[in-house]
Amino acid sequence: MGEQIYRYRQLREAGVSRRQLRTVVDNGGAVRLGSGVYGSGPAEWMRDVRALVARLPTGTALGYQSAAALYGFGPAVDTLHVIVPVGTVRPRIAGVTCHEAVLPVAAPVTVAGVPCSPPARCAIDLARSMPRMHGLATLDAALRSATCTADDLPEEVGHHAALRGVRRARELVGIADGRAECPQESHLRLVVIDGGLPVPEPQLWVCDPRGRHMYRLDLGYREQKVGLEYEGRSHLTTARLDADRSRMNWLSAQGWAMRYFTARDVYSSPGLVVATVRAALAA
């Protein structure tokens, strides 16, 4: 059940034209799951999901990672996550995780014929149950997907009072930002915030003296001219290395102090990340 799910906006941003998408769907390479939601696998996958949900107790809804994937703000996972009404017997089915709904799923949303927990409910459920880094990345992605608004999340978290993890979720809602473009950017931002530093601006544009947009930074402090970047394996290609060096030189010439961090920095040495950023801001 681990088919990849995409939102229409994500496909367009990746350069897929309407005609190309229509051709792929017509040829069976993708299936339209709902309004603006597409799956990379065959339609049989969603039919299997519908059939499986029909076997579960009345009132069952797709939730957690599975609903997030359908809404376009989470990766597809092999395990199907469903929410069953409180007090019902949770069936044991291979590949299915049943979450008992202490908080009833109000007004489920139907996607491709499958009842799902609403986007904001899904995002808060995940933020309550995930480690903080992953919770923030999920909330950021939910906002970026436009399935949730900045008002939806605080309202939803208010319904989860006294539930496990709600304090963590409420804190993360306060710093969630839909401008983050990948989980690693969200993780880096949280490390900086947890270190007591000012909240950096995600996807900060740097302009040339004529006001033209030149480069966009993962995170930055405009007034101090300090930029923060997460560098993954995609930066290891020759073409990317050449582009990065030109970018670095231009930013340096404009007075920007750039600091670059890898997975080891963010996940193994967060204290070093904070110290590095603090020193750059103080320079």
Foldseek 3Di string as FASTA:
>chain_A
DQWFKAFQVVCVVVPQDPVNVVVCCVVQQWDQFAHRMITRHGPVVVVVVLVVVVVDDPLKAFAAQCVCRRLHLHGGDQATEIEDEPPDDDDDDPRYDYHYCPPRQPPFDATSNGTHRQLLLRLLVNQQVDPLLVSLSSLLSSCLSVSDHLVSNCVNLVSCPPPHSSVSSNVSSVVRHNLQDGSVLSLLQVLQVVLVHDRWDAQCFDADPVRHTDDTARTHDVVLQEGEHEDDPVCVDPVNVVVVVVVVVVSVVVVHHYDYHYPCCRPPNSVVSNVVVVVSSVD
